[in-house]
Amino acid sequence: MRPYSEDLRERAVQRAEAGEPIRSIAAALRISPSCASKWRKRQRETGAPSPGLQ
């Protein structure tokens, strides 16, 4: 399985920052809620939703 694209990660984080519920984001983007939550947390902590990009 390939990693998710940067674009997808950024769209998920933008929606979360706009106040959309994680489960709603996950359903709309066809990802797991844990991915969306993890990306949002990583964005807050490092400034980027992807691992290794800081």
PDB file of N, CA and C in Angstrom:
ATOM      1  N   MET A   1       0.839  -1.185   0.000  1.00  0.00           N
ATOM      2  CA  MET A   1       0.000   0.000   0.000  1.00  0.00           C
ATOM      3  C   MET A   1       0.881   1.245   0.000  1.00  0.00           C
ATOM      4  N   ARG A   2       0.528   2.179  -0.856  1.00  0.00           N
ATOM      5  CA  ARG A   2       1.302   3.409  -0.955  1.00  0.00           C
ATOM      6  C   ARG A   2       0.903   4.405   0.133  1.00  0.00           C
ATOM      7  N   PRO A   3       1.819   5.295   0.532  1.00  0.00           N
ATOM      8  CA  PRO A   3       1.461   6.327   1.511  1.00  0.00           C
ATOM      9  C   PRO A   3       0.432   7.292   0.903  1.00  0.00           C
ATOM     10  N   TYR A   4      -0.346   7.912   1.762  1.00  0.00           N
ATOM     11  CA  TYR A   4      -1.313   8.895   1.299  1.00  0.00           C
ATOM     12  C   TYR A   4      -0.593  10.136   0.765  1.00  0.00           C
ATOM     13  N   SER A   5      -1.198  10.805  -0.194  1.00  0.00           N
ATOM     14  CA  SER A   5      -0.589  11.976  -0.821  1.00  0.00           C
ATOM     15  C   SER A   5      -0.562  13.172   0.137  1.00  0.00           C
ATOM     16  N   GLU A   6       0.361  14.067  -0.149  1.00  0.00           N
ATOM     17  CA  GLU A   6       0.458  15.303   0.638  1.00  0.00           C
ATOM     18  C   GLU A   6      -0.839  16.098   0.526  1.00  0.00           C
ATOM     19  N   ASP A   7      -1.390  16.129  -0.675  1.00  0.00           N
ATOM     20  CA  ASP A   7      -2.621  16.873  -0.919  1.00  0.00           C
ATOM     21  C   ASP A   7      -3.754  16.359  -0.036  1.00  0.00           C
ATOM     22  N   LEU A   8      -3.905  15.063   0.037  1.00  0.00           N
ATOM     23  CA  LEU A   8      -4.953  14.472   0.855  1.00  0.00           C
ATOM     24  C   LEU A   8      -4.745  14.808   2.328  1.00  0.00           C
ATOM     25  N   ARG A   9      -3.525  14.707   2.777  1.00  0.00           N
ATOM     26  CA  ARG A   9      -3.212  15.027   4.177  1.00  0.00           C
ATOM     27  C   ARG A   9      -3.546  16.481   4.491  1.00  0.00           C
ATOM     28  N   GLU A  10      -3.161  17.369   3.580  1.00  0.00           N
ATOM     29  CA  GLU A  10      -3.407  18.798   3.803  1.00  0.00           C
ATOM     30  C   GLU A  10      -4.897  19.123   3.781  1.00  0.00           C
ATOM     31  N   ARG A  11      -5.651  18.481   2.877  1.00  0.00           N
ATOM     32  CA  ARG A  11      -7.096  18.713   2.838  1.00  0.00           C
ATOM     33  C   ARG A  11      -7.756  18.249   4.132  1.00  0.00           C
ATOM     34  N   ALA A  12      -7.324  17.108   4.644  1.00  0.00           N
ATOM     35  CA  ALA A  12      -7.888  16.600   5.899  1.00  0.00           C
ATOM     36  C   ALA A  12      -7.599  17.560   7.047  1.00  0.00           C
ATOM     37  N   VAL A  13      -6.371  18.034   7.122  1.00  0.00           N
ATOM     38  CA  VAL A  13      -5.991  18.949   8.200  1.00  0.00           C
ATOM     39  C   VAL A  13      -6.752  20.271   8.081  1.00  0.00           C
ATOM     40  N   GLN A  14      -6.893  20.792   6.883  1.00  0.00           N
ATOM     41  CA  GLN A  14      -7.625  22.049   6.688  1.00  0.00           C
ATOM     42  C   GLN A  14      -9.078  21.919   7.139  1.00  0.00           C
ATOM     43  N   ARG A  15      -9.687  20.800   6.798  1.00  0.00           N
ATOM     44  CA  ARG A  15     -11.069  20.585   7.203  1.00  0.00           C
ATOM     45  C   ARG A  15     -11.180  20.474   8.716  1.00  0.00           C
ATOM     46  N   ALA A  16     -10.221  19.801   9.344  1.00  0.00           N
ATOM     47  CA  ALA A  16     -10.228  19.659  10.802  1.00  0.00           C
ATOM     48  C   ALA A  16     -10.042  21.019  11.470  1.00  0.00           C
ATOM     49  N   GLU A  17      -9.141  21.820  10.931  1.00  0.00           N
ATOM     50  CA  GLU A  17      -8.906  23.150  11.501  1.00  0.00           C
ATOM     51  C   GLU A  17     -10.114  24.064  11.319  1.00  0.00           C
ATOM     52  N   ALA A  18     -10.927  23.795  10.313  1.00  0.00           N
ATOM     53  CA  ALA A  18     -12.140  24.580  10.081  1.00  0.00           C
ATOM     54  C   ALA A  18     -13.275  24.148  11.007  1.00  0.00           C
ATOM     55  N   GLY A  19     -13.046  23.066  11.773  1.00  0.00           N
ATOM     56  CA  GLY A  19     -14.029  22.642  12.760  1.00  0.00           C
ATOM     57  C   GLY A  19     -14.867  21.440  12.373  1.00  0.00           C
ATOM     58  N   GLU A  20     -14.585  20.850  11.233  1.00  0.00           N
ATOM     59  CA  GLU A  20     -15.353  19.669  10.807  1.00  0.00           C
ATOM     60  C   GLU A  20     -14.964  18.472  11.684  1.00  0.00           C
ATOM     61  N   PRO A  21     -15.927  17.666  12.082  1.00  0.00           N
ATOM     62  CA  PRO A  21     -15.619  16.496  12.911  1.00  0.00           C
ATOM     63  C   PRO A  21     -14.723  15.488  12.177  1.00  0.00           C
ATOM     64  N   ILE A  22     -13.832  14.856  12.919  1.00  0.00           N
ATOM     65  CA  ILE A  22     -12.874  13.901  12.351  1.00  0.00           C
ATOM     66  C   ILE A  22     -13.595  12.773  11.602  1.00  0.00           C
ATOM     67  N   ARG A  23     -14.654  12.242  12.161  1.00  0.00           N
ATOM     68  CA  ARG A  23     -15.375  11.142  11.493  1.00  0.00           C
ATOM     69  C   ARG A  23     -15.984  11.585  10.168  1.00  0.00           C
ATOM     70  N   SER A  24     -16.454  12.806  10.109  1.00  0.00           N
ATOM     71  CA  SER A  24     -17.015  13.340   8.870  1.00  0.00           C
ATOM     72  C   SER A  24     -15.926  13.497   7.812  1.00  0.00           C
ATOM     73  N   ILE A  25     -14.774  13.996   8.220  1.00  0.00           N
ATOM     74  CA  ILE A  25     -13.625  14.151   7.315  1.00  0.00           C
ATOM     75  C   ILE A  25     -13.214  12.786   6.780  1.00  0.00           C
ATOM     76  N   ALA A  26     -13.101  11.837   7.680  1.00  0.00           N
ATOM     77  CA  ALA A  26     -12.680  10.486   7.299  1.00  0.00           C
ATOM     78  C   ALA A  26     -13.638   9.874   6.283  1.00  0.00           C
ATOM     79  N   ALA A  27     -14.910  10.019   6.510  1.00  0.00           N
ATOM     80  CA  ALA A  27     -15.896   9.456   5.582  1.00  0.00           C
ATOM     81  C   ALA A  27     -15.826  10.144   4.223  1.00  0.00           C
ATOM     82  N   ALA A  28     -15.707  11.454   4.223  1.00  0.00           N
ATOM     83  CA  ALA A  28     -15.680  12.208   2.964  1.00  0.00           C
ATOM     84  C   ALA A  28     -14.428  11.916   2.148  1.00  0.00           C
ATOM     85  N   LEU A  29     -13.299  11.736   2.820  1.00  0.00           N
ATOM     86  CA  LEU A  29     -12.030  11.533   2.117  1.00  0.00           C
ATOM     87  C   LEU A  29     -11.645  10.061   1.992  1.00  0.00           C
ATOM     88  N   ARG A  30     -12.489   9.191   2.541  1.00  0.00           N
ATOM     89  CA  ARG A  30     -12.261   7.737   2.488  1.00  0.00           C
ATOM     90  C   ARG A  30     -10.932   7.333   3.144  1.00  0.00           C
ATOM     91  N   ILE A  31     -10.742   7.847   4.351  1.00  0.00           N
ATOM     92  CA  ILE A  31      -9.584   7.482   5.168  1.00  0.00           C
ATOM     93  C   ILE A  31     -10.119   7.077   6.537  1.00  0.00           C
ATOM     94  N   SER A  32      -9.265   6.512   7.352  1.00  0.00           N
ATOM     95  CA  SER A  32      -9.715   6.139   8.693  1.00  0.00           C
ATOM     96  C   SER A  32      -9.710   7.371   9.599  1.00  0.00           C
ATOM     97  N   PRO A  33     -10.605   7.386  10.581  1.00  0.00           N
ATOM     98  CA  PRO A  33     -10.600   8.505  11.528  1.00  0.00           C
ATOM     99  C   PRO A  33      -9.257   8.651  12.243  1.00  0.00           C
ATOM    100  N   SER A  34      -8.579   7.532  12.496  1.00  0.00           N
ATOM    101  CA  SER A  34      -7.291   7.622  13.187  1.00  0.00           C
ATOM    102  C   SER A  34      -6.249   8.340  12.328  1.00  0.00           C
ATOM    103  N   CYS A  35      -6.288   8.144  11.014  1.00  0.00           N
ATOM    104  CA  CYS A  35      -5.362   8.862  10.122  1.00  0.00           C
ATOM    105  C   CYS A  35      -5.609  10.360  10.208  1.00  0.00           C
ATOM    106  N   ALA A  36      -6.856  10.758  10.090  1.00  0.00           N
ATOM    107  CA  ALA A  36      -7.191  12.180  10.129  1.00  0.00           C
ATOM    108  C   ALA A  36      -6.759  12.801  11.454  1.00  0.00           C
ATOM    109  N   SER A  37      -7.011  12.095  12.530  1.00  0.00           N
ATOM    110  CA  SER A  37      -6.638  12.587  13.854  1.00  0.00           C
ATOM    111  C   SER A  37      -5.120  12.692  13.998  1.00  0.00           C
ATOM    112  N   LYS A  38      -4.433  11.663  13.527  1.00  0.00           N
ATOM    113  CA  LYS A  38      -2.973  11.636  13.616  1.00  0.00           C
ATOM    114  C   LYS A  38      -2.353  12.771  12.799  1.00  0.00           C
ATOM    115  N   TRP A  39      -2.874  13.007  11.606  1.00  0.00           N
ATOM    116  CA  TRP A  39      -2.339  14.075  10.749  1.00  0.00           C
ATOM    117  C   TRP A  39      -2.569  15.444  11.378  1.00  0.00           C
ATOM    118  N   ARG A  40      -3.737  15.629  11.977  1.00  0.00           N
ATOM    119  CA  ARG A  40      -4.020  16.913  12.626  1.00  0.00           C
ATOM    120  C   ARG A  40      -3.066  17.145  13.799  1.00  0.00           C
ATOM    121  N   LYS A  41      -2.845  16.103  14.584  1.00  0.00           N
ATOM    122  CA  LYS A  41      -1.924  16.211  15.724  1.00  0.00           C
ATOM    123  C   LYS A  41      -0.507  16.513  15.249  1.00  0.00           C
ATOM    124  N   ARG A  42      -0.056  15.813  14.212  1.00  0.00           N
ATOM    125  CA  ARG A  42       1.286  16.024  13.678  1.00  0.00           C
ATOM    126  C   ARG A  42       1.438  17.446  13.129  1.00  0.00           C
ATOM    127  N   GLN A  43       0.382  17.957  12.496  1.00  0.00           N
ATOM    128  CA  GLN A  43       0.406  19.326  11.970  1.00  0.00           C
ATOM    129  C   GLN A  43       0.608  20.323  13.107  1.00  0.00           C
ATOM    130  N   ARG A  44      -0.103  20.131  14.202  1.00  0.00           N
ATOM    131  CA  ARG A  44       0.037  21.033  15.356  1.00  0.00           C
ATOM    132  C   ARG A  44       1.430  20.957  15.961  1.00  0.00           C
ATOM    133  N   GLU A  45       1.987  19.751  16.032  1.00  0.00           N
ATOM    134  CA  GLU A  45       3.275  19.553  16.711  1.00  0.00           C
ATOM    135  C   GLU A  45       4.486  19.932  15.854  1.00  0.00           C
ATOM    136  N   THR A  46       4.407  19.661  14.553  1.00  0.00           N
ATOM    137  CA  THR A  46       5.595  19.863  13.709  1.00  0.00           C
ATOM    138  C   THR A  46       5.412  20.902  12.597  1.00  0.00           C
ATOM    139  N   GLY A  47       4.159  21.272  12.322  1.00  0.00           N
ATOM    140  CA  GLY A  47       3.895  22.229  11.256  1.00  0.00           C
ATOM    141  C   GLY A  47       3.645  21.571   9.911  1.00  0.00           C
ATOM    142  N   ALA A  48       3.681  20.228   9.868  1.00  0.00           N
ATOM    143  CA  ALA A  48       3.421  19.497   8.617  1.00  0.00           C
ATOM    144  C   ALA A  48       2.686  18.204   8.946  1.00  0.00           C
ATOM    145  N   PRO A  49       1.708  17.821   8.119  1.00  0.00           N
ATOM    146  CA  PRO A  49       0.952  16.612   8.404  1.00  0.00           C
ATOM    147  C   PRO A  49       1.685  15.317   8.052  1.00  0.00           C
ATOM    148  N   SER A  50       2.811  15.416   7.367  1.00  0.00           N
ATOM    149  CA  SER A  50       3.549  14.224   6.948  1.00  0.00           C
ATOM    150  C   SER A  50       4.750  13.970   7.845  1.00  0.00           C
ATOM    151  N   PRO A  51       5.098  12.723   8.028  1.00  0.00           N
ATOM    152  CA  PRO A  51       6.282  12.418   8.839  1.00  0.00           C
ATOM    153  C   PRO A  51       7.550  12.866   8.125  1.00  0.00           C
ATOM    154  N   GLY A  52       8.480  13.379   8.866  1.00  0.00           N
ATOM    155  CA  GLY A  52       9.771  13.755   8.295  1.00  0.00           C
ATOM    156  C   GLY A  52       9.817  15.132   7.674  1.00  0.00           C
ATOM    157  N   LEU A  53       8.695  15.828   7.552  1.00  0.00           N
ATOM    158  CA  LEU A  53       8.681  17.172   6.988  1.00  0.00           C
ATOM    159  C   LEU A  53       8.496  18.173   8.104  1.00  0.00           C
ATOM    160  N   GLN A  54       9.530  18.958   8.330  1.00  0.00           N
ATOM    161  CA  GLN A  54       9.426  19.927   9.427  1.00  0.00           C
ATOM    162  C   GLN A  54       9.967  21.255   9.022  1.00  0.00           C
TER     163      GLN A  54
END
